[in-house]
């Protein structure tokens, strides 16, 4: 039996990601989140930004957010030269 056709191709290349969560984490959490840079928004959120090696690593970061009991607000794939300031 043939597999269903899909136009979605799996992403396996490394890339830059912005992960926005509800709550504030200071920079000391950066090590736990694989060296992602952390910045706080005026709206009570934290934005993690950095290079992620592959989809498995991205899922690992999201699982850590879950393990801390934080609310995940946004995950965005972006260009490395995108400004690091949190979007409100």
Protein backbone atom coordinates (compact mmCIF):
# COMPACT_ATOMS: atom_id res chain seq x y z
CA UNK A 1 0.00 0.00 0.00
CA UNK A 2 1.36 3.42 -0.95
CA UNK A 3 1.93 6.07 1.69
CA UNK A 4 -0.39 9.09 1.49
CA UNK A 5 1.00 11.99 -0.50
CA UNK A 6 1.70 15.17 1.39
CA UNK A 7 3.11 18.51 0.30
CA UNK A 8 4.72 19.00 3.71
CA UNK A 9 8.39 18.18 3.76
CA UNK A 10 10.03 17.37 7.10
CA UNK A 11 12.41 20.04 8.34
CA UNK A 12 15.71 18.55 9.45
CA UNK A 13 18.06 21.48 8.82
CA UNK A 14 19.22 23.56 11.75
CA UNK A 15 17.66 26.94 12.11
CA UNK A 16 17.04 29.91 14.33
CA UNK A 17 13.98 29.89 16.55
CA UNK A 18 12.12 32.27 18.80
CA UNK A 19 10.21 30.59 21.63
CA UNK A 20 7.92 32.89 23.61
CA UNK A 21 6.56 31.80 26.98
CA UNK A 22 4.36 33.31 29.66
CA UNK A 23 6.39 34.17 32.74
CA UNK A 24 9.85 35.46 33.42
CA UNK A 25 13.05 33.44 33.31
CA UNK A 26 16.33 35.20 33.94
CA UNK A 27 19.50 34.61 31.94
CA UNK A 28 20.78 31.87 34.28
CA UNK A 29 18.23 29.50 32.66
CA UNK A 30 20.06 29.86 29.35
CA UNK A 31 22.30 26.86 30.07
CA UNK A 32 19.29 24.64 30.78
CA UNK A 33 17.81 25.73 27.45
CA UNK A 34 20.92 24.76 25.44
CA UNK A 35 22.45 28.25 25.39
CA UNK A 36 19.42 30.06 24.01
CA UNK A 37 19.45 33.79 24.73
CA UNK A 38 16.66 34.90 27.06
CA UNK A 39 15.05 38.32 27.17
CA UNK A 40 12.05 39.59 29.10
CA UNK A 41 9.16 41.48 27.60
CA UNK A 42 7.22 44.23 29.31
CA UNK A 43 4.13 42.04 29.07
CA UNK A 44 5.46 39.42 31.53
CA UNK A 45 6.81 37.05 28.89
CA UNK A 46 10.24 35.60 28.17
CA UNK A 47 11.61 35.14 24.67
CA UNK A 48 14.21 32.47 24.05
CA UNK A 49 16.09 32.85 20.82
CA UNK A 50 18.89 30.90 19.23
CA UNK A 51 20.08 28.24 16.86
CA UNK A 52 18.47 24.82 17.13
CA UNK A 53 20.23 21.84 15.56
CA UNK A 54 17.19 19.90 14.35
CA UNK A 55 13.55 19.14 15.07
CA UNK A 56 14.42 16.71 17.86
CA UNK A 57 16.33 19.48 19.65
CA UNK A 58 13.40 21.87 19.16
CA UNK A 59 11.01 19.33 20.69
CA UNK A 60 13.44 18.92 23.59
CA UNK A 61 13.31 22.67 24.29
CA UNK A 62 9.52 22.65 24.17
CA UNK A 63 9.45 19.70 26.58
CA UNK A 64 11.61 21.68 29.03
CA UNK A 65 9.10 24.53 28.88
CA UNK A 66 6.39 21.99 29.70
CA UNK A 67 8.44 20.43 32.50
CA UNK A 68 8.70 23.85 34.19
CA UNK A 69 4.92 24.23 33.98
CA UNK A 70 5.21 27.34 31.80
CA UNK A 71 2.72 28.36 29.15
CA UNK A 72 4.07 28.17 25.60
CA UNK A 73 2.81 31.16 23.60
CA UNK A 74 4.70 31.02 20.33
CA UNK A 75 7.35 29.11 18.40
CA UNK A 76 8.69 30.87 15.31
CA UNK A 77 11.35 29.86 12.81
CA UNK A 78 13.24 32.99 11.86
CA UNK A 79 16.29 34.43 10.16
CA UNK A 80 19.40 34.75 12.35
CA UNK A 81 19.47 38.54 11.92
CA UNK A 82 15.95 39.11 13.28
CA UNK A 83 15.97 41.52 16.26
CA UNK A 84 15.90 39.70 19.61
CA UNK A 85 13.40 42.02 21.31
CA UNK A 86 10.19 40.32 22.41
CA UNK A 87 7.14 41.03 20.30
CA UNK A 88 4.15 42.29 22.24
